[in-house]
Amino acid sequence: MPFSSFLHYFKTTQPGGFFITGTDTDIGKTFVSCTIAQYLLKKQPGLVISPRKPIASGALRDQNGELYSEDAVQLHQACESQESLQTVCPYLLEPAISPARAIAQAKQTITIHDLALASEVPQQTVAFVEGAGGIYSPLASDGLNIDLAKQLGYPVILVVGNRLGCLNHALLSINAIENAGLEIAHIFVNNLSDQSDLENVTDLESLTSHPVSLVPYQAQTS
């Protein structure tokens, strides 16, 4: 993968973790997270990544009727995690709606502070904390993805789904992250089909000072 500039950032900065967000839902955020994790593990022997998907709506039920998140399972596998899936993703909600709305429908209260606690990782590991939806999507009873990102303080990885309108969504998301005082580690433009417009990548590079990498299309994105 053409992620050499991201690897250079990682080696020179040595961050304690990343908050991974997207310009929208269904733009391959988990696929890109898994791809990055596998790349780092290959390039950095001995690295331990602790994945966290602190809350997930649209959870499925296994053969025993227990809820699980497909995204959390994929992160768990890609990061070669030895932790339990319950640790990776402790808050599971079945309705395929925003987590905040699903929490309200369940008459529960799950706060940004609760999600921050659920995002804690062991020392000497790198946290990969994935949000849900876009940076301004409602995430908890009292806040948005951006609020969790601010509380954690990790550099942000922004995943942009390469489709019509993505430049607008990308620039709005970049502005929101910058205004929150957060560092943008890298922007990954994920090709959502084999017909994606590659000029969007060139245009985005000219519109921002942040590093941008293209993630080639693969049929099985998440």
Protein backbone atom coordinates (compact mmCIF):
# COMPACT_ATOMS: atom_id res chain seq x y z
CA MET A 1 0.00 0.00 0.00
CA PRO A 2 1.25 3.55 -0.73
CA PHE A 3 1.39 4.49 2.97
CA SER A 4 5.08 5.40 3.25
CA SER A 5 4.37 8.96 4.42
CA PHE A 6 2.06 7.65 7.14
CA LEU A 7 4.73 5.19 8.29
CA HIS A 8 7.24 8.05 8.46
CA TYR A 9 4.79 10.06 10.58
CA PHE A 10 4.24 7.09 12.88
CA LYS A 11 7.95 6.39 13.34
CA THR A 12 8.89 10.00 14.00
CA THR A 13 5.89 10.95 16.15
CA GLN A 14 5.32 7.71 18.08
CA PRO A 15 1.73 8.61 19.05
CA GLY A 16 -0.03 6.69 21.78
CA GLY A 17 -2.96 6.11 19.48
CA PHE A 18 -5.27 7.37 16.76
CA PHE A 19 -8.91 8.35 16.55
CA ILE A 20 -10.27 7.09 13.24
CA THR A 21 -13.25 8.87 11.76
CA GLY A 22 -14.84 9.36 8.38
CA THR A 23 -16.63 11.87 6.21
CA ASP A 24 -19.80 9.78 6.40
CA THR A 25 -21.06 6.30 7.17
CA ASP A 26 -20.42 3.36 4.81
CA ILE A 27 -17.24 4.81 3.34
CA GLY A 28 -14.93 1.94 4.33
CA LYS A 29 -13.67 3.31 7.64
CA THR A 30 -13.18 -0.12 9.19
CA PHE A 31 -11.61 -1.51 6.03
CA VAL A 32 -9.08 1.33 6.01
CA SER A 33 -8.44 0.96 9.76
CA CYS A 34 -7.73 -2.74 9.28
CA THR A 35 -5.50 -2.06 6.28
CA ILE A 36 -3.45 0.50 8.23
CA ALA A 37 -3.15 -1.84 11.23
CA GLN A 38 -1.92 -4.71 9.09
CA TYR A 39 0.56 -2.40 7.35
CA LEU A 40 1.99 -1.13 10.65
CA LEU A 41 2.25 -4.62 12.14
CA LYS A 42 4.17 -5.77 9.07
CA LYS A 43 6.52 -2.78 9.07
CA GLN A 44 7.01 -2.52 12.85
CA PRO A 45 7.87 -5.92 14.37
CA GLY A 46 6.91 -6.09 18.03
CA LEU A 47 4.24 -3.41 17.72
CA VAL A 48 1.08 -4.08 19.71
CA ILE A 49 -2.12 -2.37 18.56
CA SER A 50 -5.15 -2.25 20.85
CA PRO A 51 -8.32 -1.74 18.79
CA ARG A 52 -11.35 -0.05 20.25
CA LYS A 53 -14.82 0.39 18.81
CA PRO A 54 -16.32 1.66 22.05
CA ILE A 55 -19.87 1.74 20.74
CA ALA A 56 -21.56 0.16 17.74
CA SER A 57 -25.14 0.29 16.54
CA GLY A 58 -26.50 -2.06 13.90
CA ALA A 59 -25.10 -4.98 15.89
CA LEU A 60 -25.92 -8.51 14.76
CA ARG A 61 -26.82 -11.61 16.76
CA ASP A 62 -24.75 -14.77 16.71
CA GLN A 63 -26.13 -18.32 16.87
CA ASN A 64 -26.48 -17.97 20.63
CA GLY A 65 -28.43 -14.74 20.32
CA GLU A 66 -25.56 -12.60 21.59
CA LEU A 67 -24.91 -9.21 20.00
CA TYR A 68 -21.67 -8.52 18.18
CA SER A 69 -20.27 -5.86 15.86
CA GLU A 70 -18.89 -6.91 12.49
CA ASP A 71 -16.61 -3.89 12.54
CA ALA A 72 -15.23 -4.83 15.95
CA VAL A 73 -14.61 -8.41 14.81
CA GLN A 74 -12.68 -7.19 11.77
CA LEU A 75 -10.62 -4.76 13.87
CA HIS A 76 -9.92 -7.47 16.43
CA GLN A 77 -8.64 -9.80 13.73
CA ALA A 78 -6.65 -7.23 11.75
CA CYS A 79 -4.90 -5.93 14.86
CA GLU A 80 -4.14 -9.51 15.94
CA SER A 81 -5.57 -8.55 19.31
CA GLN A 82 -5.35 -10.87 22.30
CA GLU A 83 -8.04 -8.91 24.12
CA SER A 84 -11.68 -9.98 24.28
CA LEU A 85 -14.26 -8.67 21.84
CA GLN A 86 -16.13 -7.33 24.88
CA THR A 87 -13.10 -5.17 25.66
CA VAL A 88 -12.80 -4.00 22.05
CA CYS A 89 -16.50 -3.11 21.77
CA PRO A 90 -18.35 -3.01 25.11
CA TYR A 91 -21.46 -1.05 24.05
CA LEU A 92 -23.60 -2.86 21.48
CA LEU A 93 -26.94 -1.65 20.14
CA GLU A 94 -29.07 -3.56 17.66
CA PRO A 95 -30.95 -0.83 15.72
CA ALA A 96 -29.11 0.27 12.59
CA ILE A 97 -29.38 3.97 13.44
CA SER A 98 -27.03 6.45 15.07
CA PRO A 99 -25.70 5.19 18.42
CA ALA A 100 -27.13 8.23 20.18
CA ARG A 101 -30.65 7.53 18.90
CA ALA A 102 -30.32 3.82 19.65
CA ILE A 103 -29.27 4.66 23.22
CA ALA A 104 -32.30 6.91 23.64
CA GLN A 105 -34.66 4.29 22.22
CA ALA A 106 -33.28 1.76 24.69
CA LYS A 107 -33.88 4.29 27.49
CA GLN A 108 -30.22 4.09 28.47
CA THR A 109 -27.59 6.70 29.20
CA ILE A 110 -24.11 6.23 27.75
CA THR A 111 -21.90 9.29 27.99
CA ILE A 112 -18.78 10.46 26.17
CA HIS A 113 -16.94 9.85 29.44
CA ASP A 114 -18.16 6.24 29.42
CA LEU A 115 -16.84 5.82 25.88
CA ALA A 116 -13.52 7.44 26.79
CA LEU A 117 -13.10 4.95 29.64
CA ALA A 118 -13.97 2.12 27.25
CA SER A 119 -11.29 3.41 24.87
CA GLU A 120 -8.45 3.08 27.38
CA VAL A 121 -5.72 0.65 26.36
CA PRO A 122 -2.82 -1.07 28.14
CA GLN A 123 0.48 0.75 28.42
CA GLN A 124 3.04 0.21 25.66
CA THR A 125 0.31 -0.39 23.08
CA VAL A 126 -1.02 1.85 20.31
CA ALA A 127 -4.74 2.61 20.48
CA PHE A 128 -6.84 2.41 17.34
CA VAL A 129 -10.14 3.98 18.39
CA GLU A 130 -12.79 3.97 15.68
CA GLY A 131 -15.82 6.18 15.89
CA ALA A 132 -19.21 5.65 14.27
CA GLY A 133 -20.25 7.62 11.21
CA GLY A 134 -18.82 11.06 10.52
CA ILE A 135 -16.96 13.40 12.86
CA TYR A 136 -20.17 15.31 13.73
CA SER A 137 -22.39 12.22 13.97
CA PRO A 138 -24.22 11.79 17.32
CA LEU A 139 -22.30 9.15 19.30
CA ALA A 140 -23.46 9.21 22.92
CA SER A 141 -26.20 10.59 25.14
CA ASP A 142 -24.27 13.81 25.56
CA GLY A 143 -22.07 14.25 22.53
CA LEU A 144 -20.74 13.62 19.05
CA ASN A 145 -17.75 11.77 17.62
CA ILE A 146 -15.77 15.02 17.80
CA ASP A 147 -16.38 15.18 21.55
CA LEU A 148 -14.88 11.74 22.10
CA ALA A 149 -11.95 12.64 19.84
CA LYS A 150 -11.30 15.78 21.90
CA GLN A 151 -11.47 13.89 25.19
CA LEU A 152 -9.00 11.26 23.95
CA GLY A 153 -6.70 13.79 22.30
CA TYR A 154 -5.21 11.36 19.80
CA PRO A 155 -4.15 12.41 16.31
CA VAL A 156 -7.02 11.87 13.88
CA ILE A 157 -7.06 9.64 10.83
CA LEU A 158 -9.74 10.86 8.42
CA VAL A 159 -11.20 8.41 5.91
CA VAL A 160 -12.81 10.00 2.85
CA GLY A 161 -15.12 7.93 0.70
CA ASN A 162 -14.22 8.68 -2.91
CA ARG A 163 -17.56 9.57 -4.43
CA LEU A 164 -19.44 12.58 -5.74
CA GLY A 165 -19.41 15.35 -3.14
CA CYS A 166 -16.48 13.94 -1.21
CA LEU A 167 -14.38 17.11 -1.49
CA ASN A 168 -17.04 19.14 0.29
CA HIS A 169 -17.42 16.48 2.98
CA ALA A 170 -13.66 16.19 3.38
CA LEU A 171 -13.07 19.92 3.73
CA LEU A 172 -15.92 20.31 6.22
CA SER A 173 -14.53 17.43 8.28
CA ILE A 174 -10.98 18.81 8.13
CA ASN A 175 -12.24 22.21 9.29
CA ALA A 176 -14.16 20.63 12.18
CA ILE A 177 -11.14 18.64 13.34
CA GLU A 178 -8.81 21.64 13.10
CA ASN A 179 -11.27 23.90 14.95
CA ALA A 180 -11.38 21.33 17.75
CA GLY A 181 -7.64 21.75 18.17
CA LEU A 182 -6.89 18.20 17.08
CA GLU A 183 -4.00 17.06 14.93
CA ILE A 184 -4.77 15.37 11.63
CA ALA A 185 -2.27 12.55 11.21
CA HIS A 186 -3.34 11.51 7.73
CA ILE A 187 -6.20 11.55 5.26
CA PHE A 188 -7.00 8.34 3.40
CA VAL A 189 -9.18 8.55 0.31
CA ASN A 190 -10.87 5.18 -0.07
CA ASN A 191 -11.97 4.20 -3.58
CA LEU A 192 -15.50 2.85 -3.17
CA SER A 193 -15.62 1.35 -6.66
CA ASP A 194 -13.35 0.61 -9.58
CA GLN A 195 -14.91 3.66 -11.27
CA SER A 196 -13.94 6.16 -8.55
CA ASP A 197 -12.73 9.55 -9.78
CA LEU A 198 -8.99 9.68 -9.08
CA GLU A 199 -8.94 13.41 -9.74
CA ASN A 200 -10.68 13.85 -6.38
CA VAL A 201 -7.44 12.73 -4.73
CA THR A 202 -5.36 15.25 -6.69
CA ASP A 203 -7.88 17.99 -5.97
CA LEU A 204 -7.91 17.23 -2.24
CA GLU A 205 -4.12 17.29 -2.10
CA SER A 206 -4.22 20.79 -3.58
CA LEU A 207 -6.87 21.95 -1.09
CA THR A 208 -5.22 20.85 2.16
CA SER A 209 -1.76 20.83 3.66
CA HIS A 210 -2.37 17.48 5.34
CA PRO A 211 -0.89 14.31 3.83
CA VAL A 212 -3.28 12.37 1.61
CA SER A 213 -3.03 8.74 0.47
CA LEU A 214 -5.22 6.76 -1.89
CA VAL A 215 -6.59 3.38 -0.85
CA PRO A 216 -7.26 1.35 -4.02
CA TYR A 217 -10.66 -0.22 -4.49
CA GLN A 218 -11.25 -3.70 -3.13
CA ALA A 219 -14.55 -5.48 -3.53
CA GLN A 220 -14.90 -6.34 0.15
CA THR A 221 -14.87 -3.00 1.99
CA SER A 222 -16.47 -2.48 5.39
